[in-house]
Amino acid sequence: MKRIVIFASGSGTNAENLIKFFHNRDNASVIQVLTNNPHAKVLDRCKKLNISALSFNKTALYNTDHVVNLLKSVKPDLIILAGFLWKFPKNIIEEFQDKIINIHPALLPKYGGKGMYGIHVHQAVVDNKENESGITIHYVNENYDEGAIIFQAKCDVLASDTAEDVAAKIHELEMKHFPEVVNSLLNG
């Protein structure tokens, strides 16, 4: 049985989708959710879904080995960043080489990097009058949104679309594709 750990910072819709997708599967399960936000809605979702969830602070992630040691103790086969907003530390990337992926709400390399998350990405897409956007699932390296691309899915952006309209389209793509891509990675 493959073991999945999810890092999230906010509402946790992608985390919940992954937890539900892998519930009662015989190949993998989500064993832990970690968050940098002690007030994140993902903690409530995990409680309802009976999934272990912990919050940590910057010191635990960047200045100590607390988080990397926790990860070593649970032995994940895959670490998933699902709306996790902090830059991932080098010690974890090195310890879990090619086992950390992220989902980004745009077609990288466009609209990636520091500050490019959530509605900020979608507003930039609308402001630049793009005719398409999408999601990118990629490996995590030491730079924001620059790891090797695993998968992309696209959606049309209409001239009349607001950032919120684009966000809704992106959310649909995430819900549809993210669990399937994770599943294929684990079975590959």
N, C-alpha and C. Protein backbone atom coordinates (compact mmCIF):
# COMPACT_ATOMS: atom_id res chain seq x y z
N MET A 1 0.85 -1.19 0.00
CA MET A 1 0.00 0.00 0.00
C MET A 1 0.89 1.25 0.00
N LYS A 2 0.72 2.09 -1.01
CA LYS A 2 1.49 3.33 -1.11
C LYS A 2 0.92 4.35 -0.12
N ARG A 3 1.83 5.18 0.41
CA ARG A 3 1.48 6.14 1.46
C ARG A 3 1.63 7.57 0.94
N ILE A 4 0.56 8.36 1.10
CA ILE A 4 0.52 9.74 0.61
C ILE A 4 0.44 10.70 1.79
N VAL A 5 1.27 11.75 1.74
CA VAL A 5 1.19 12.85 2.68
C VAL A 5 0.87 14.11 1.87
N ILE A 6 -0.08 14.89 2.37
CA ILE A 6 -0.50 16.12 1.68
C ILE A 6 -0.14 17.33 2.54
N PHE A 7 0.42 18.34 1.90
CA PHE A 7 0.64 19.65 2.53
C PHE A 7 -0.37 20.62 1.94
N ALA A 8 -1.08 21.36 2.78
CA ALA A 8 -2.07 22.33 2.33
C ALA A 8 -2.02 23.55 3.24
N SER A 9 -2.51 24.68 2.74
CA SER A 9 -2.51 25.92 3.53
C SER A 9 -3.90 26.51 3.73
N GLY A 10 -4.88 26.04 2.98
CA GLY A 10 -6.16 26.73 3.00
C GLY A 10 -7.37 25.84 3.19
N SER A 11 -8.30 25.95 2.25
CA SER A 11 -9.60 25.29 2.42
C SER A 11 -9.51 23.77 2.31
N GLY A 12 -8.58 23.27 1.51
CA GLY A 12 -8.39 21.83 1.46
C GLY A 12 -9.30 21.08 0.52
N THR A 13 -9.85 21.72 -0.49
CA THR A 13 -10.74 20.99 -1.41
C THR A 13 -9.96 19.93 -2.19
N ASN A 14 -8.75 20.25 -2.62
CA ASN A 14 -7.94 19.25 -3.32
C ASN A 14 -7.54 18.12 -2.39
N ALA A 15 -7.19 18.45 -1.16
CA ALA A 15 -6.84 17.42 -0.18
C ALA A 15 -8.03 16.49 0.05
N GLU A 16 -9.21 17.07 0.25
CA GLU A 16 -10.41 16.25 0.47
C GLU A 16 -10.69 15.36 -0.74
N ASN A 17 -10.55 15.91 -1.94
CA ASN A 17 -10.79 15.14 -3.15
C ASN A 17 -9.83 13.95 -3.22
N LEU A 18 -8.57 14.17 -2.89
CA LEU A 18 -7.59 13.08 -2.91
C LEU A 18 -7.89 12.05 -1.83
N ILE A 19 -8.23 12.51 -0.64
CA ILE A 19 -8.56 11.59 0.47
C ILE A 19 -9.73 10.69 0.07
N LYS A 20 -10.77 11.30 -0.47
CA LYS A 20 -11.95 10.52 -0.88
C LYS A 20 -11.63 9.57 -2.03
N PHE A 21 -10.83 10.03 -2.98
CA PHE A 21 -10.47 9.19 -4.12
C PHE A 21 -9.74 7.93 -3.67
N PHE A 22 -8.81 8.09 -2.73
CA PHE A 22 -8.00 6.94 -2.30
C PHE A 22 -8.60 6.16 -1.14
N HIS A 23 -9.73 6.62 -0.60
CA HIS A 23 -10.40 5.89 0.47
C HIS A 23 -10.87 4.54 -0.07
N ASN A 24 -10.56 3.49 0.65
CA ASN A 24 -10.95 2.12 0.26
C ASN A 24 -10.29 1.63 -1.02
N ARG A 25 -9.22 2.26 -1.46
CA ARG A 25 -8.46 1.74 -2.60
C ARG A 25 -7.41 0.78 -2.03
N ASP A 26 -7.01 -0.17 -2.83
CA ASP A 26 -6.03 -1.12 -2.34
C ASP A 26 -4.59 -0.76 -2.71
N ASN A 27 -4.40 0.30 -3.51
CA ASN A 27 -3.04 0.65 -3.93
C ASN A 27 -2.42 1.79 -3.14
N ALA A 28 -3.24 2.68 -2.54
CA ALA A 28 -2.68 3.85 -1.86
C ALA A 28 -3.72 4.47 -0.93
N SER A 29 -3.23 5.22 0.04
CA SER A 29 -4.12 5.99 0.91
C SER A 29 -3.39 7.23 1.42
N VAL A 30 -4.18 8.24 1.75
CA VAL A 30 -3.64 9.44 2.37
C VAL A 30 -3.50 9.14 3.85
N ILE A 31 -2.27 9.23 4.36
CA ILE A 31 -2.03 8.87 5.76
C ILE A 31 -1.85 10.09 6.67
N GLN A 32 -1.58 11.26 6.07
CA GLN A 32 -1.29 12.43 6.89
C GLN A 32 -1.52 13.69 6.07
N VAL A 33 -2.06 14.72 6.72
CA VAL A 33 -2.14 16.05 6.12
C VAL A 33 -1.41 17.01 7.06
N LEU A 34 -0.58 17.84 6.47
CA LEU A 34 0.19 18.82 7.23
C LEU A 34 -0.12 20.22 6.71
N THR A 35 -0.23 21.17 7.62
CA THR A 35 -0.54 22.54 7.22
C THR A 35 0.29 23.54 8.01
N ASN A 36 0.58 24.64 7.35
CA ASN A 36 1.28 25.75 8.00
C ASN A 36 0.30 26.75 8.60
N ASN A 37 -0.98 26.47 8.49
CA ASN A 37 -2.01 27.41 8.95
C ASN A 37 -2.88 26.72 10.00
N PRO A 38 -2.73 27.08 11.28
CA PRO A 38 -3.50 26.40 12.32
C PRO A 38 -5.01 26.66 12.24
N HIS A 39 -5.43 27.58 11.39
CA HIS A 39 -6.85 27.89 11.22
C HIS A 39 -7.38 27.44 9.85
N ALA A 40 -6.59 26.68 9.12
CA ALA A 40 -6.98 26.25 7.78
C ALA A 40 -8.20 25.34 7.83
N LYS A 41 -9.09 25.52 6.88
CA LYS A 41 -10.29 24.68 6.79
C LYS A 41 -9.94 23.22 6.51
N VAL A 42 -8.75 22.99 5.94
CA VAL A 42 -8.34 21.61 5.67
C VAL A 42 -8.31 20.79 6.96
N LEU A 43 -8.03 21.41 8.09
CA LEU A 43 -8.02 20.69 9.37
C LEU A 43 -9.41 20.18 9.72
N ASP A 44 -10.43 20.99 9.47
CA ASP A 44 -11.82 20.56 9.71
C ASP A 44 -12.21 19.43 8.76
N ARG A 45 -11.80 19.55 7.51
CA ARG A 45 -12.11 18.49 6.54
C ARG A 45 -11.48 17.17 6.97
N CYS A 46 -10.24 17.23 7.42
CA CYS A 46 -9.54 16.01 7.86
C CYS A 46 -10.20 15.39 9.08
N LYS A 47 -10.65 16.22 9.98
CA LYS A 47 -11.32 15.70 11.17
C LYS A 47 -12.58 14.93 10.77
N LYS A 48 -13.36 15.50 9.85
CA LYS A 48 -14.59 14.84 9.39
C LYS A 48 -14.28 13.55 8.64
N LEU A 49 -13.13 13.50 7.96
CA LEU A 49 -12.76 12.34 7.16
C LEU A 49 -11.88 11.35 7.94
N ASN A 50 -11.64 11.65 9.21
CA ASN A 50 -10.85 10.78 10.08
C ASN A 50 -9.43 10.56 9.56
N ILE A 51 -8.80 11.67 9.12
CA ILE A 51 -7.42 11.64 8.63
C ILE A 51 -6.56 12.47 9.58
N SER A 52 -5.44 11.94 9.96
CA SER A 52 -4.51 12.65 10.84
C SER A 52 -4.05 13.94 10.18
N ALA A 53 -4.13 15.04 10.91
CA ALA A 53 -3.73 16.34 10.40
C ALA A 53 -3.02 17.13 11.49
N LEU A 54 -1.93 17.74 11.12
CA LEU A 54 -1.13 18.52 12.06
C LEU A 54 -0.77 19.86 11.45
N SER A 55 -0.63 20.87 12.30
CA SER A 55 -0.13 22.15 11.82
C SER A 55 1.27 22.37 12.40
N PHE A 56 2.04 23.16 11.70
CA PHE A 56 3.41 23.46 12.12
C PHE A 56 3.69 24.92 11.81
N ASN A 57 4.78 25.45 12.38
CA ASN A 57 5.14 26.84 12.13
C ASN A 57 6.41 26.90 11.28
N LYS A 58 6.84 28.12 10.97
CA LYS A 58 8.02 28.30 10.12
C LYS A 58 9.27 27.70 10.73
N THR A 59 9.41 27.84 12.03
CA THR A 59 10.59 27.28 12.70
C THR A 59 10.66 25.77 12.50
N ALA A 60 9.56 25.09 12.67
CA ALA A 60 9.54 23.63 12.52
C ALA A 60 9.90 23.21 11.09
N LEU A 61 9.52 24.03 10.11
CA LEU A 61 9.77 23.68 8.71
C LEU A 61 11.17 24.08 8.26
N TYR A 62 11.59 25.30 8.62
CA TYR A 62 12.83 25.84 8.05
C TYR A 62 14.05 25.78 8.97
N ASN A 63 13.84 25.83 10.27
CA ASN A 63 14.99 25.97 11.18
C ASN A 63 15.28 24.73 12.01
N THR A 64 14.48 23.71 11.87
CA THR A 64 14.71 22.46 12.59
C THR A 64 14.45 21.30 11.63
N ASP A 65 14.67 20.11 12.11
CA ASP A 65 14.36 18.92 11.31
C ASP A 65 13.04 18.30 11.73
N HIS A 66 12.20 19.02 12.46
CA HIS A 66 10.94 18.45 12.95
C HIS A 66 10.07 17.89 11.83
N VAL A 67 9.86 18.68 10.79
CA VAL A 67 8.95 18.25 9.72
C VAL A 67 9.59 17.13 8.91
N VAL A 68 10.87 17.27 8.56
CA VAL A 68 11.52 16.21 7.78
C VAL A 68 11.58 14.91 8.59
N ASN A 69 11.79 15.01 9.90
CA ASN A 69 11.80 13.80 10.72
C ASN A 69 10.42 13.16 10.82
N LEU A 70 9.38 13.98 10.88
CA LEU A 70 8.02 13.45 10.87
C LEU A 70 7.78 12.69 9.56
N LEU A 71 8.19 13.29 8.45
CA LEU A 71 8.03 12.63 7.16
C LEU A 71 8.80 11.32 7.10
N LYS A 72 10.02 11.33 7.58
CA LYS A 72 10.82 10.09 7.59
C LYS A 72 10.11 9.01 8.40
N SER A 73 9.46 9.41 9.50
CA SER A 73 8.81 8.42 10.37
C SER A 73 7.58 7.80 9.72
N VAL A 74 6.88 8.54 8.84
CA VAL A 74 5.68 7.98 8.20
C VAL A 74 5.98 7.38 6.83
N LYS A 75 7.19 7.59 6.33
CA LYS A 75 7.68 6.95 5.09
C LYS A 75 6.72 7.12 3.90
N PRO A 76 6.48 8.36 3.47
CA PRO A 76 5.58 8.54 2.33
C PRO A 76 6.20 8.09 1.02
N ASP A 77 5.36 7.53 0.17
CA ASP A 77 5.77 7.23 -1.20
C ASP A 77 5.61 8.44 -2.09
N LEU A 78 4.70 9.35 -1.68
CA LEU A 78 4.48 10.57 -2.44
C LEU A 78 4.05 11.67 -1.48
N ILE A 79 4.64 12.84 -1.67
CA ILE A 79 4.26 14.04 -0.92
C ILE A 79 3.61 14.98 -1.91
N ILE A 80 2.41 15.44 -1.59
CA ILE A 80 1.64 16.27 -2.50
C ILE A 80 1.42 17.65 -1.88
N LEU A 81 1.79 18.68 -2.63
CA LEU A 81 1.49 20.04 -2.23
C LEU A 81 0.20 20.42 -2.93
N ALA A 82 -0.83 20.67 -2.14
CA ALA A 82 -2.16 20.98 -2.69
C ALA A 82 -2.62 22.29 -2.08
N GLY A 83 -2.20 23.38 -2.70
CA GLY A 83 -2.52 24.68 -2.13
C GLY A 83 -1.62 25.03 -0.97
N PHE A 84 -0.41 24.51 -0.97
CA PHE A 84 0.57 24.85 0.08
C PHE A 84 1.37 26.05 -0.41
N LEU A 85 1.37 27.14 0.37
CA LEU A 85 1.86 28.42 -0.12
C LEU A 85 3.30 28.75 0.22
N TRP A 86 3.93 28.01 1.10
CA TRP A 86 5.32 28.31 1.44
C TRP A 86 6.27 27.57 0.51
N LYS A 87 7.43 28.18 0.28
CA LYS A 87 8.46 27.53 -0.51
C LYS A 87 8.93 26.28 0.24
N PHE A 88 9.04 25.18 -0.47
CA PHE A 88 9.40 23.92 0.18
C PHE A 88 10.89 23.91 0.46
N PRO A 89 11.27 23.48 1.68
CA PRO A 89 12.68 23.56 2.08
C PRO A 89 13.56 22.50 1.40
N LYS A 90 14.80 22.89 1.20
CA LYS A 90 15.78 22.05 0.51
C LYS A 90 16.00 20.70 1.20
N ASN A 91 16.01 20.69 2.53
CA ASN A 91 16.28 19.42 3.23
C ASN A 91 15.20 18.37 2.94
N ILE A 92 13.96 18.79 2.80
CA ILE A 92 12.89 17.83 2.48
C ILE A 92 12.97 17.42 1.01
N ILE A 93 13.26 18.39 0.14
CA ILE A 93 13.38 18.08 -1.29
C ILE A 93 14.51 17.06 -1.51
N GLU A 94 15.62 17.25 -0.83
CA GLU A 94 16.75 16.32 -0.98
C GLU A 94 16.43 14.95 -0.40
N GLU A 95 15.75 14.91 0.73
CA GLU A 95 15.42 13.65 1.38
C GLU A 95 14.40 12.83 0.58
N PHE A 96 13.50 13.52 -0.11
CA PHE A 96 12.42 12.85 -0.85
C PHE A 96 12.49 13.21 -2.34
N GLN A 97 13.67 13.08 -2.91
CA GLN A 97 13.91 13.41 -4.31
C GLN A 97 12.92 12.68 -5.22
N ASP A 98 12.28 13.43 -6.11
CA ASP A 98 11.32 12.90 -7.09
C ASP A 98 10.11 12.24 -6.44
N LYS A 99 9.81 12.62 -5.21
CA LYS A 99 8.62 12.10 -4.53
C LYS A 99 7.71 13.23 -4.06
N ILE A 100 7.95 14.46 -4.55
CA ILE A 100 7.17 15.62 -4.14
C ILE A 100 6.58 16.27 -5.38
N ILE A 101 5.26 16.41 -5.39
CA ILE A 101 4.60 17.06 -6.52
C ILE A 101 3.73 18.21 -6.04
N ASN A 102 3.42 19.10 -6.96
CA ASN A 102 2.58 20.26 -6.67
C ASN A 102 1.56 20.41 -7.79
N ILE A 103 0.42 20.98 -7.44
CA ILE A 103 -0.55 21.37 -8.46
C ILE A 103 -0.59 22.90 -8.49
N HIS A 104 -0.49 23.45 -9.70
CA HIS A 104 -0.48 24.91 -9.87
C HIS A 104 -1.66 25.30 -10.76
N PRO A 105 -2.37 26.38 -10.41
CA PRO A 105 -3.59 26.75 -11.14
C PRO A 105 -3.35 27.60 -12.38
N ALA A 106 -2.36 27.23 -13.18
CA ALA A 106 -2.08 27.91 -14.45
C ALA A 106 -1.24 26.97 -15.30
N LEU A 107 -1.07 27.35 -16.54
CA LEU A 107 -0.25 26.57 -17.46
C LEU A 107 1.19 27.06 -17.37
N LEU A 108 1.96 26.42 -16.52
CA LEU A 108 3.36 26.80 -16.36
C LEU A 108 4.09 26.58 -17.69
N PRO A 109 5.07 27.40 -18.02
CA PRO A 109 5.77 28.32 -17.13
C PRO A 109 5.10 29.68 -16.93
N LYS A 110 3.97 29.92 -17.61
CA LYS A 110 3.27 31.19 -17.40
C LYS A 110 2.65 31.23 -16.01
N TYR A 111 2.65 32.39 -15.40
CA TYR A 111 1.94 32.68 -14.15
C TYR A 111 2.37 31.79 -12.98
N GLY A 112 3.66 31.54 -12.92
CA GLY A 112 4.21 30.80 -11.79
C GLY A 112 5.12 31.72 -10.99
N GLY A 113 5.61 31.20 -9.89
CA GLY A 113 6.57 31.94 -9.06
C GLY A 113 5.94 32.51 -7.81
N LYS A 114 6.78 33.19 -7.05
CA LYS A 114 6.36 33.75 -5.77
C LYS A 114 5.18 34.70 -5.96
N GLY A 115 4.16 34.54 -5.14
CA GLY A 115 2.99 35.39 -5.19
C GLY A 115 1.94 34.96 -6.19
N MET A 116 2.26 33.98 -7.02
CA MET A 116 1.31 33.51 -8.02
C MET A 116 0.55 32.30 -7.49
N TYR A 117 -0.52 32.59 -6.78
CA TYR A 117 -1.38 31.54 -6.24
C TYR A 117 -2.81 32.06 -6.21
N GLY A 118 -3.75 31.11 -6.22
CA GLY A 118 -5.16 31.45 -6.07
C GLY A 118 -5.63 32.51 -7.05
N ILE A 119 -6.41 33.42 -6.53
CA ILE A 119 -7.06 34.44 -7.36
C ILE A 119 -6.04 35.35 -8.05
N HIS A 120 -4.84 35.48 -7.48
CA HIS A 120 -3.80 36.31 -8.11
C HIS A 120 -3.44 35.77 -9.50
N VAL A 121 -3.35 34.45 -9.61
CA VAL A 121 -3.06 33.82 -10.90
C VAL A 121 -4.19 34.10 -11.88
N HIS A 122 -5.41 33.88 -11.45
CA HIS A 122 -6.56 34.02 -12.35
C HIS A 122 -6.76 35.47 -12.78
N GLN A 123 -6.50 36.41 -11.87
CA GLN A 123 -6.60 37.82 -12.23
C GLN A 123 -5.55 38.19 -13.26
N ALA A 124 -4.34 37.66 -13.12
CA ALA A 124 -3.29 37.92 -14.10
C ALA A 124 -3.66 37.36 -15.46
N VAL A 125 -4.25 36.17 -15.48
CA VAL A 125 -4.69 35.56 -16.74
C VAL A 125 -5.73 36.45 -17.42
N VAL A 126 -6.71 36.94 -16.66
CA VAL A 126 -7.76 37.81 -17.20
C VAL A 126 -7.17 39.14 -17.64
N ASP A 127 -6.32 39.75 -16.80
CA ASP A 127 -5.72 41.05 -17.13
C ASP A 127 -4.89 40.99 -18.41
N ASN A 128 -4.26 39.85 -18.65
CA ASN A 128 -3.42 39.70 -19.85
C ASN A 128 -4.19 39.17 -21.06
N LYS A 129 -5.51 39.08 -20.89
CA LYS A 129 -6.41 38.68 -21.98
C LYS A 129 -6.00 37.35 -22.63
N GLU A 130 -5.62 36.41 -21.78
CA GLU A 130 -5.28 35.06 -22.27
C GLU A 130 -6.55 34.39 -22.76
N ASN A 131 -6.42 33.53 -23.76
CA ASN A 131 -7.60 32.82 -24.24
C ASN A 131 -7.68 31.39 -23.69
N GLU A 132 -6.69 31.01 -22.90
CA GLU A 132 -6.75 29.72 -22.21
C GLU A 132 -5.96 29.79 -20.91
N SER A 133 -6.32 28.89 -20.02
CA SER A 133 -5.57 28.69 -18.79
C SER A 133 -5.64 27.20 -18.50
N GLY A 134 -5.31 26.83 -17.28
CA GLY A 134 -5.38 25.41 -16.96
C GLY A 134 -4.66 25.09 -15.67
N ILE A 135 -4.32 23.82 -15.54
CA ILE A 135 -3.59 23.35 -14.36
C ILE A 135 -2.29 22.70 -14.82
N THR A 136 -1.32 22.75 -13.94
CA THR A 136 -0.05 22.07 -14.15
C THR A 136 0.27 21.27 -12.90
N ILE A 137 0.53 19.99 -13.08
CA ILE A 137 1.02 19.15 -12.00
C ILE A 137 2.50 18.92 -12.30
N HIS A 138 3.35 19.23 -11.33
CA HIS A 138 4.79 19.18 -11.58
C HIS A 138 5.55 18.70 -10.35
N TYR A 139 6.76 18.24 -10.59
CA TYR A 139 7.64 17.89 -9.48
C TYR A 139 8.11 19.17 -8.80
N VAL A 140 8.42 19.07 -7.53
CA VAL A 140 8.88 20.22 -6.75
C VAL A 140 10.41 20.20 -6.71
N ASN A 141 10.98 21.36 -7.00
CA ASN A 141 12.42 21.54 -6.80
C ASN A 141 12.63 22.77 -5.92
N GLU A 142 13.84 23.28 -5.89
CA GLU A 142 14.16 24.37 -4.96
C GLU A 142 13.58 25.72 -5.38
N ASN A 143 13.02 25.83 -6.59
CA ASN A 143 12.42 27.08 -7.06
C ASN A 143 10.92 26.94 -7.22
N TYR A 144 10.21 28.03 -6.92
CA TYR A 144 8.75 28.02 -7.08
C TYR A 144 8.37 27.64 -8.52
N ASP A 145 7.54 26.61 -8.66
CA ASP A 145 6.87 26.28 -9.91
C ASP A 145 7.81 26.02 -11.09
N GLU A 146 9.02 25.54 -10.81
CA GLU A 146 9.96 25.29 -11.90
C GLU A 146 10.32 23.82 -12.08
N GLY A 147 9.76 22.93 -11.28
CA GLY A 147 10.07 21.51 -11.43
C GLY A 147 9.50 20.94 -12.71
N ALA A 148 10.00 19.77 -13.08
CA ALA A 148 9.57 19.11 -14.31
C ALA A 148 8.06 18.90 -14.34
N ILE A 149 7.46 19.22 -15.47
CA ILE A 149 6.01 19.11 -15.65
C ILE A 149 5.62 17.65 -15.87
N ILE A 150 4.63 17.21 -15.12
CA ILE A 150 4.09 15.85 -15.22
C ILE A 150 2.86 15.83 -16.11
N PHE A 151 1.99 16.85 -15.94
CA PHE A 151 0.68 16.85 -16.61
C PHE A 151 0.14 18.26 -16.68
N GLN A 152 -0.54 18.58 -17.78
CA GLN A 152 -1.28 19.84 -17.90
C GLN A 152 -2.64 19.56 -18.52
N ALA A 153 -3.63 20.32 -18.08
CA ALA A 153 -4.96 20.29 -18.68
C ALA A 153 -5.38 21.74 -18.90
N LYS A 154 -6.08 21.99 -20.00
CA LYS A 154 -6.42 23.35 -20.40
C LYS A 154 -7.92 23.59 -20.35
N CYS A 155 -8.26 24.87 -20.24
CA CYS A 155 -9.64 25.32 -20.37
C CYS A 155 -9.63 26.64 -21.11
N ASP A 156 -10.73 26.94 -21.78
CA ASP A 156 -10.86 28.21 -22.49
C ASP A 156 -11.11 29.33 -21.49
N VAL A 157 -10.60 30.49 -21.82
CA VAL A 157 -10.89 31.71 -21.07
C VAL A 157 -11.58 32.66 -22.04
N LEU A 158 -12.81 33.00 -21.73
CA LEU A 158 -13.59 33.89 -22.58
C LEU A 158 -13.28 35.34 -22.25
N ALA A 159 -13.47 36.22 -23.22
CA ALA A 159 -13.23 37.65 -23.00
C ALA A 159 -14.09 38.19 -21.87
N SER A 160 -15.26 37.58 -21.67
CA SER A 160 -16.19 38.04 -20.62
C SER A 160 -15.89 37.42 -19.25
N ASP A 161 -14.95 36.48 -19.17
CA ASP A 161 -14.66 35.80 -17.89
C ASP A 161 -14.00 36.74 -16.88
N THR A 162 -14.45 36.61 -15.64
CA THR A 162 -13.79 37.29 -14.53
C THR A 162 -12.76 36.33 -13.93
N ALA A 163 -11.96 36.82 -13.02
CA ALA A 163 -11.01 35.95 -12.33
C ALA A 163 -11.74 34.83 -11.60
N GLU A 164 -12.90 35.12 -11.06
CA GLU A 164 -13.70 34.11 -10.35
C GLU A 164 -14.22 33.04 -11.32
N ASP A 165 -14.58 33.45 -12.54
CA ASP A 165 -15.01 32.49 -13.56
C ASP A 165 -13.87 31.53 -13.91
N VAL A 166 -12.68 32.10 -14.08
CA VAL A 166 -11.50 31.28 -14.39
C VAL A 166 -11.22 30.34 -13.22
N ALA A 167 -11.32 30.85 -12.01
CA ALA A 167 -11.09 30.02 -10.82
C ALA A 167 -12.02 28.81 -10.81
N ALA A 168 -13.27 29.02 -11.16
CA ALA A 168 -14.25 27.91 -11.17
C ALA A 168 -13.87 26.87 -12.23
N LYS A 169 -13.41 27.31 -13.38
CA LYS A 169 -12.99 26.38 -14.43
C LYS A 169 -11.76 25.59 -13.99
N ILE A 170 -10.83 26.28 -13.35
CA ILE A 170 -9.61 25.62 -12.88
C ILE A 170 -9.95 24.60 -11.80
N HIS A 171 -10.85 24.96 -10.91
CA HIS A 171 -11.27 24.04 -9.84
C HIS A 171 -11.84 22.75 -10.43
N GLU A 172 -12.63 22.87 -11.48
CA GLU A 172 -13.18 21.67 -12.15
C GLU A 172 -12.06 20.79 -12.69
N LEU A 173 -11.06 21.42 -13.32
CA LEU A 173 -9.93 20.65 -13.85
C LEU A 173 -9.18 19.94 -12.72
N GLU A 174 -8.98 20.64 -11.61
CA GLU A 174 -8.28 20.04 -10.47
C GLU A 174 -9.03 18.83 -9.94
N MET A 175 -10.33 18.99 -9.74
CA MET A 175 -11.12 17.89 -9.19
C MET A 175 -11.13 16.68 -10.12
N LYS A 176 -11.15 16.93 -11.41
CA LYS A 176 -11.21 15.84 -12.39
C LYS A 176 -9.87 15.13 -12.54
N HIS A 177 -8.79 15.89 -12.70
CA HIS A 177 -7.52 15.30 -13.12
C HIS A 177 -6.54 14.97 -12.00
N PHE A 178 -6.53 15.72 -10.92
CA PHE A 178 -5.49 15.55 -9.91
C PHE A 178 -5.45 14.13 -9.33
N PRO A 179 -6.57 13.58 -8.87
CA PRO A 179 -6.50 12.22 -8.33
C PRO A 179 -6.02 11.17 -9.34
N GLU A 180 -6.46 11.31 -10.59
CA GLU A 180 -6.07 10.34 -11.62
C GLU A 180 -4.57 10.41 -11.91
N VAL A 181 -4.03 11.62 -11.96
CA VAL A 181 -2.60 11.78 -12.20
C VAL A 181 -1.80 11.21 -11.03
N VAL A 182 -2.24 11.51 -9.80
CA VAL A 182 -1.56 10.95 -8.63
C VAL A 182 -1.62 9.43 -8.67
N ASN A 183 -2.76 8.89 -8.98
CA ASN A 183 -2.92 7.44 -9.05
C ASN A 183 -1.96 6.84 -10.10
N SER A 184 -1.86 7.46 -11.26
CA SER A 184 -0.98 6.93 -12.30
C SER A 184 0.48 7.02 -11.87
N LEU A 185 0.86 8.09 -11.17
CA LEU A 185 2.23 8.21 -10.67
C LEU A 185 2.55 7.07 -9.69
N LEU A 186 1.61 6.78 -8.81
CA LEU A 186 1.82 5.75 -7.81
C LEU A 186 1.87 4.36 -8.41
N ASN A 187 1.20 4.18 -9.53
CA ASN A 187 1.18 2.87 -10.19
C ASN A 187 2.24 2.73 -11.26
N GLY A 188 2.95 3.84 -11.56
CA GLY A 188 3.91 3.84 -12.65
C GLY A 188 5.23 3.20 -12.34
